[in-house]
């Protein structure tokens, strides 16, 4: 289990539920979230699935963001 204070996880969960589009904790783990972000430019008609993981030391340590959707990138 990660060493992130509950008050920080509660604040981040509140923000994700209010602002995140379809973001949900992964298997009930409040330090790992999966959701959708809208594409821009030529991808404006798509949504991309991402995972966000809060690491030990969060918020001083930035979260790990992983693209789940396949993306063609030159």
C-alpha atoms as a PDB file:
ATOM      1  CA  UNK A   1       0.000   0.000   0.000  1.00  0.00           C
ATOM      2  CA  UNK A   2       1.259   3.437  -0.843  1.00  0.00           C
ATOM      3  CA  UNK A   3       2.016   5.919   1.908  1.00  0.00           C
ATOM      4  CA  UNK A   4      -0.275   8.785   0.852  1.00  0.00           C
ATOM      5  CA  UNK A   5      -2.353  10.485   3.583  1.00  0.00           C
ATOM      6  CA  UNK A   6      -6.116   9.814   3.405  1.00  0.00           C
ATOM      7  CA  UNK A   7      -6.896  13.541   3.372  1.00  0.00           C
ATOM      8  CA  UNK A   8      -4.882  13.957   0.144  1.00  0.00           C
ATOM      9  CA  UNK A   9      -6.551  10.913  -1.455  1.00  0.00           C
ATOM     10  CA  UNK A  10      -9.990  12.243  -0.451  1.00  0.00           C
ATOM     11  CA  UNK A  11      -9.235  15.652  -1.995  1.00  0.00           C
ATOM     12  CA  UNK A  12      -7.997  14.081  -5.233  1.00  0.00           C
ATOM     13  CA  UNK A  13     -10.973  11.680  -5.400  1.00  0.00           C
ATOM     14  CA  UNK A  14     -13.395  14.604  -4.979  1.00  0.00           C
ATOM     15  CA  UNK A  15     -11.669  16.464  -7.810  1.00  0.00           C
ATOM     16  CA  UNK A  16     -11.687  13.390 -10.079  1.00  0.00           C
ATOM     17  CA  UNK A  17     -15.399  12.744  -9.509  1.00  0.00           C
ATOM     18  CA  UNK A  18     -16.251  16.422 -10.153  1.00  0.00           C
ATOM     19  CA  UNK A  19     -13.924  17.176 -13.079  1.00  0.00           C
ATOM     20  CA  UNK A  20     -12.800  13.861 -14.551  1.00  0.00           C
ATOM     21  CA  UNK A  21     -14.819  12.403 -17.419  1.00  0.00           C
ATOM     22  CA  UNK A  22     -15.686   8.872 -16.475  1.00  0.00           C
ATOM     23  CA  UNK A  23     -12.695   8.455 -14.161  1.00  0.00           C
ATOM     24  CA  UNK A  24     -13.038   5.631 -11.648  1.00  0.00           C
ATOM     25  CA  UNK A  25     -10.636   4.054  -9.173  1.00  0.00           C
ATOM     26  CA  UNK A  26      -9.130   0.800 -10.466  1.00  0.00           C
ATOM     27  CA  UNK A  27     -10.324  -2.128  -8.315  1.00  0.00           C
ATOM     28  CA  UNK A  28     -11.180   0.289  -5.493  1.00  0.00           C
ATOM     29  CA  UNK A  29      -7.578   1.549  -5.250  1.00  0.00           C
ATOM     30  CA  UNK A  30      -7.821   5.300  -4.642  1.00  0.00           C
ATOM     31  CA  UNK A  31      -4.224   5.758  -5.827  1.00  0.00           C
ATOM     32  CA  UNK A  32      -4.973   4.368  -9.338  1.00  0.00           C
ATOM     33  CA  UNK A  33      -7.615   5.845 -11.666  1.00  0.00           C
ATOM     34  CA  UNK A  34      -8.757   5.107 -15.223  1.00  0.00           C
ATOM     35  CA  UNK A  35     -10.794   7.434 -17.419  1.00  0.00           C
ATOM     36  CA  UNK A  36     -11.164   9.297 -20.688  1.00  0.00           C
ATOM     37  CA  UNK A  37      -9.524  12.416 -22.067  1.00  0.00           C
ATOM     38  CA  UNK A  38     -10.729  14.142 -25.251  1.00  0.00           C
ATOM     39  CA  UNK A  39      -8.515  14.272 -28.316  1.00  0.00           C
ATOM     40  CA  UNK A  40      -7.529  17.527 -29.990  1.00  0.00           C
ATOM     41  CA  UNK A  41      -6.860  18.604 -33.556  1.00  0.00           C
ATOM     42  CA  UNK A  42      -7.191  15.699 -35.968  1.00  0.00           C
ATOM     43  CA  UNK A  43      -8.218  13.491 -33.014  1.00  0.00           C
ATOM     44  CA  UNK A  44     -11.003  15.813 -31.792  1.00  0.00           C
ATOM     45  CA  UNK A  45     -13.616  13.155 -32.594  1.00  0.00           C
ATOM     46  CA  UNK A  46     -11.990  10.597 -30.241  1.00  0.00           C
ATOM     47  CA  UNK A  47     -11.561   9.965 -26.554  1.00  0.00           C
ATOM     48  CA  UNK A  48      -8.483   8.249 -25.182  1.00  0.00           C
ATOM     49  CA  UNK A  49      -8.282   5.995 -22.147  1.00  0.00           C
ATOM     50  CA  UNK A  50      -5.589   6.862 -19.615  1.00  0.00           C
ATOM     51  CA  UNK A  51      -4.523   5.564 -16.219  1.00  0.00           C
ATOM     52  CA  UNK A  52      -3.231   7.845 -13.479  1.00  0.00           C
ATOM     53  CA  UNK A  53      -1.256   6.425 -10.562  1.00  0.00           C
ATOM     54  CA  UNK A  54      -0.313   8.494  -7.524  1.00  0.00           C
ATOM     55  CA  UNK A  55       3.132   7.419  -6.318  1.00  0.00           C
ATOM     56  CA  UNK A  56       4.661   7.566  -2.832  1.00  0.00           C
ATOM     57  CA  UNK A  57       5.489  11.168  -2.045  1.00  0.00           C
ATOM     58  CA  UNK A  58       2.424  12.527  -3.880  1.00  0.00           C
ATOM     59  CA  UNK A  59       1.746  15.465  -4.294  1.00  0.00           C
ATOM     60  CA  UNK A  60       5.455  16.410  -4.236  1.00  0.00           C
ATOM     61  CA  UNK A  61       6.078  13.462  -6.582  1.00  0.00           C
ATOM     62  CA  UNK A  62       4.045  13.823  -9.802  1.00  0.00           C
ATOM     63  CA  UNK A  63       1.614  11.058 -10.743  1.00  0.00           C
ATOM     64  CA  UNK A  64       2.436   8.468 -13.379  1.00  0.00           C
ATOM     65  CA  UNK A  65       0.161   8.856 -16.406  1.00  0.00           C
ATOM     66  CA  UNK A  66      -0.124   5.935 -18.818  1.00  0.00           C
ATOM     67  CA  UNK A  67      -1.883   5.993 -22.198  1.00  0.00           C
ATOM     68  CA  UNK A  68      -4.035   2.869 -22.565  1.00  0.00           C
ATOM     69  CA  UNK A  69      -5.601   3.626 -25.969  1.00  0.00           C
ATOM     70  CA  UNK A  70      -3.457   2.873 -28.967  1.00  0.00           C
ATOM     71  CA  UNK A  71      -2.278   6.073 -30.606  1.00  0.00           C
ATOM     72  CA  UNK A  72      -0.527   6.425 -33.923  1.00  0.00           C
ATOM     73  CA  UNK A  73       2.437   8.675 -33.245  1.00  0.00           C
ATOM     74  CA  UNK A  74       5.176   9.488 -35.746  1.00  0.00           C
END
